[in-house]
Amino acid sequence: MPSQEHPRVLEVERLLRAAGATGEVRHLPDSAPTAAAAAAQLGVEVGAIANSLVFDVDGAPLLVLTSGAHRVDEALVAELLGVPRIARAAPAFVREHTGQVIGGVAPIGHPAPIGTLVDIELARYDQVWAAAGHSHTVFPTTYDELLTLTGGTPAEVGRGAETPSGPTAAGEQPEEMSAR
């Protein structure tokens, strides 16, 4: 199904309009499963991409919106939340709790509210870009608007910035936009 007609994208567009958001959903020519891919297509810094990463916190979902140039420190976030640990969510868990698939998870439009942390690193940018429900769609917003749209909590979710352009030294793949 083309991204323009995808029901998740239509729902994100509806919610953005209802919230009075100023940005319009943009349809990208290619899939943007990573922050680097989205940034390249948009011609922006990778740090201006808001990755939607879903974590499993003892069976409950947690959405962390982090800068594409910033990796989530799971131990730091667990400490912040006062829980023993958080774990990157499996694709089925992401779909169950967001109604969207990895590669296009929007910060809004989920079946039920999800606790959300918003990386303070995103405040460095006048405009940030977030997925819009499909791997070919994004929308522009601001840090403050992202906090309002999601009801999220500003948080330091990592230590130091990285540019996820390929596998890290530990062999991990870069953060994905949709599992963000």
Protein backbone atom coordinates (compact mmCIF):
# COMPACT_ATOMS: atom_id res chain seq x y z
CA MET A 1 0.00 0.00 0.00
CA PRO A 2 1.48 3.39 -0.95
CA SER A 3 2.52 5.48 2.06
CA GLN A 4 0.17 8.28 0.95
CA GLU A 5 -2.84 6.01 1.56
CA HIS A 6 -1.51 4.05 4.50
CA PRO A 7 -3.97 4.15 7.44
CA ARG A 8 -1.22 4.84 10.01
CA VAL A 9 -0.03 7.85 8.01
CA LEU A 10 -3.59 9.15 7.65
CA GLU A 11 -4.06 8.81 11.42
CA VAL A 12 -0.81 10.67 12.14
CA GLU A 13 -1.88 13.45 9.73
CA ARG A 14 -5.28 13.67 11.45
CA LEU A 15 -3.70 13.87 14.91
CA LEU A 16 -1.21 16.53 13.81
CA ARG A 17 -4.03 18.68 12.40
CA ALA A 18 -6.17 18.16 15.53
CA ALA A 19 -3.25 19.24 17.73
CA GLY A 20 -2.66 22.36 15.63
CA ALA A 21 0.81 21.20 14.57
CA THR A 22 2.28 23.29 11.80
CA GLY A 23 4.30 20.63 9.95
CA GLU A 24 2.98 18.59 7.04
CA VAL A 25 3.76 14.92 6.46
CA ARG A 26 6.41 14.53 3.79
CA HIS A 27 6.58 11.41 1.61
CA LEU A 28 10.16 10.33 0.97
CA PRO A 29 11.18 8.64 -2.31
CA ASP A 30 13.03 5.86 -0.46
CA SER A 31 12.51 4.02 2.79
CA ALA A 32 14.20 5.68 5.77
CA PRO A 33 14.69 2.91 8.35
CA THR A 34 17.59 4.75 10.03
CA ALA A 35 18.24 8.31 11.12
CA ALA A 36 21.13 8.51 8.66
CA ALA A 37 18.87 7.47 5.76
CA ALA A 38 16.21 10.02 6.72
CA ALA A 39 18.78 12.79 7.20
CA ALA A 40 20.35 12.10 3.79
CA GLN A 41 16.98 12.30 2.03
CA LEU A 42 15.98 15.47 3.87
CA GLY A 43 19.38 17.17 3.61
CA VAL A 44 19.58 17.77 7.37
CA GLU A 45 21.98 16.80 10.15
CA VAL A 46 21.43 13.30 11.51
CA GLY A 47 20.99 14.84 14.97
CA ALA A 48 17.80 16.58 13.78
CA ILE A 49 16.10 13.22 13.27
CA ALA A 50 13.96 12.08 16.20
CA ASN A 51 14.37 8.32 16.45
CA SER A 52 11.35 6.56 17.93
CA LEU A 53 12.80 3.72 19.99
CA VAL A 54 10.46 1.39 21.83
CA PHE A 55 11.65 -0.40 24.94
CA ASP A 56 10.09 -3.16 27.03
CA VAL A 57 10.02 -2.19 30.70
CA ASP A 58 8.77 -5.27 32.51
CA GLY A 59 6.08 -5.85 29.87
CA ALA A 60 5.10 -2.17 29.51
CA PRO A 61 6.14 -0.08 26.50
CA LEU A 62 8.38 2.96 26.80
CA LEU A 63 8.91 5.27 23.85
CA VAL A 64 12.22 7.13 23.79
CA LEU A 65 12.49 9.88 21.20
CA THR A 66 16.20 10.43 20.78
CA SER A 67 18.38 12.47 18.48
CA GLY A 68 19.70 10.48 15.54
CA ALA A 69 23.22 11.45 16.67
CA HIS A 70 22.63 10.19 20.21
CA ARG A 71 22.50 6.58 21.37
CA VAL A 72 20.21 5.58 24.21
CA ASP A 73 22.07 4.44 27.33
CA GLU A 74 19.72 1.73 28.59
CA ALA A 75 21.31 1.64 32.07
CA LEU A 76 20.97 5.42 32.40
CA VAL A 77 17.29 5.34 31.36
CA ALA A 78 16.58 2.41 33.70
CA GLU A 79 18.16 4.38 36.55
CA LEU A 80 16.14 7.46 35.62
CA LEU A 81 12.93 5.39 35.73
CA GLY A 82 13.92 3.56 38.91
CA VAL A 83 13.68 0.11 37.31
CA PRO A 84 16.29 -2.65 37.21
CA ARG A 85 16.55 -2.66 33.41
CA ILE A 86 14.93 -1.80 30.11
CA ALA A 87 15.26 -3.85 26.94
CA ARG A 88 14.93 -2.98 23.28
CA ALA A 89 11.48 -4.20 22.23
CA ALA A 90 10.96 -7.02 19.75
CA PRO A 91 9.21 -6.12 16.47
CA ALA A 92 5.96 -7.84 17.53
CA PHE A 93 5.95 -5.88 20.82
CA VAL A 94 6.51 -2.62 18.91
CA ARG A 95 3.63 -3.37 16.55
CA GLU A 96 1.31 -4.45 19.38
CA HIS A 97 1.85 -1.26 21.39
CA THR A 98 2.24 1.33 18.62
CA GLY A 99 0.11 -0.13 15.83
CA GLN A 100 3.10 0.61 13.59
CA VAL A 101 6.08 -1.34 12.34
CA ILE A 102 9.76 -0.70 12.95
CA GLY A 103 11.00 1.75 10.35
CA GLY A 104 8.05 4.11 10.58
CA VAL A 105 6.94 4.39 14.23
CA ALA A 106 5.55 7.86 14.77
CA PRO A 107 5.66 9.55 18.17
CA ILE A 108 1.84 9.73 18.09
CA GLY A 109 -1.08 7.63 16.84
CA HIS A 110 -0.72 4.60 19.09
CA PRO A 111 -3.67 2.44 20.21
CA ALA A 112 -3.14 3.55 23.84
CA PRO A 113 -0.92 6.20 25.43
CA ILE A 114 2.72 5.20 25.85
CA GLY A 115 5.04 6.75 28.42
CA THR A 116 7.53 8.84 26.46
CA LEU A 117 10.93 10.33 27.17
CA VAL A 118 12.16 13.04 24.79
CA ASP A 119 15.92 13.42 24.44
CA ILE A 120 17.08 16.89 25.49
CA GLU A 121 19.64 16.74 22.64
CA LEU A 122 16.77 17.39 20.20
CA ALA A 123 16.36 20.88 21.74
CA ARG A 124 19.57 21.89 19.92
CA TYR A 125 17.68 22.01 16.62
CA ASP A 126 15.15 24.61 15.50
CA GLN A 127 13.42 21.90 13.48
CA VAL A 128 13.41 18.15 14.04
CA TRP A 129 11.94 15.39 11.91
CA ALA A 130 9.97 12.39 13.15
CA ALA A 131 8.52 9.33 11.44
CA ALA A 132 4.87 9.59 10.41
CA GLY A 133 3.61 6.01 10.60
CA HIS A 134 5.39 4.51 7.57
CA SER A 135 9.05 4.10 6.61
CA HIS A 136 8.57 6.52 3.69
CA THR A 137 7.03 9.34 5.74
CA VAL A 138 8.26 11.99 8.15
CA PHE A 139 7.01 15.29 9.53
CA PRO A 140 8.81 18.41 10.73
CA THR A 141 8.25 19.66 14.24
CA THR A 142 10.06 21.39 17.08
CA TYR A 143 11.34 20.03 20.36
CA ASP A 144 8.65 21.90 22.32
CA GLU A 145 5.91 20.75 19.94
CA LEU A 146 7.17 17.16 20.22
CA LEU A 147 6.86 17.40 24.01
CA THR A 148 3.32 18.73 23.65
CA LEU A 149 2.24 16.19 21.02
CA THR A 150 3.49 13.23 23.04
CA GLY A 151 2.95 14.44 26.59
CA GLY A 152 6.58 13.35 26.93
CA THR A 153 9.12 14.11 29.60
CA PRO A 154 12.39 15.85 28.69
CA ALA A 155 15.30 13.59 29.64
CA GLU A 156 18.97 12.96 29.15
CA VAL A 157 18.80 9.48 27.61
CA GLY A 158 22.42 8.98 26.62
CA ARG A 159 25.96 10.08 27.18
CA GLY A 160 27.73 11.76 24.27
CA ALA A 161 26.68 12.08 20.67
CA GLU A 162 27.46 9.60 17.92
CA THR A 163 26.79 9.63 14.24
CA PRO A 164 25.13 6.29 13.45
CA SER A 165 26.35 5.90 9.88
CA GLY A 166 27.23 2.22 10.15
CA PRO A 167 27.90 -0.56 12.62
CA THR A 168 29.48 0.61 15.88
CA ALA A 169 32.71 -0.73 17.30
CA ALA A 170 30.68 -3.28 19.25
CA GLY A 171 29.11 -4.47 15.97
CA GLU A 172 25.66 -3.08 16.76
CA GLN A 173 23.60 -1.60 13.98
CA PRO A 174 22.67 2.11 14.10
CA GLU A 175 19.47 3.19 15.86
CA GLU A 176 16.40 2.71 13.68
CA MET A 177 13.85 5.45 13.15
CA SER A 178 10.88 3.22 13.70
CA ALA A 179 11.94 1.30 16.72
CA ARG A 180 12.72 4.64 18.20
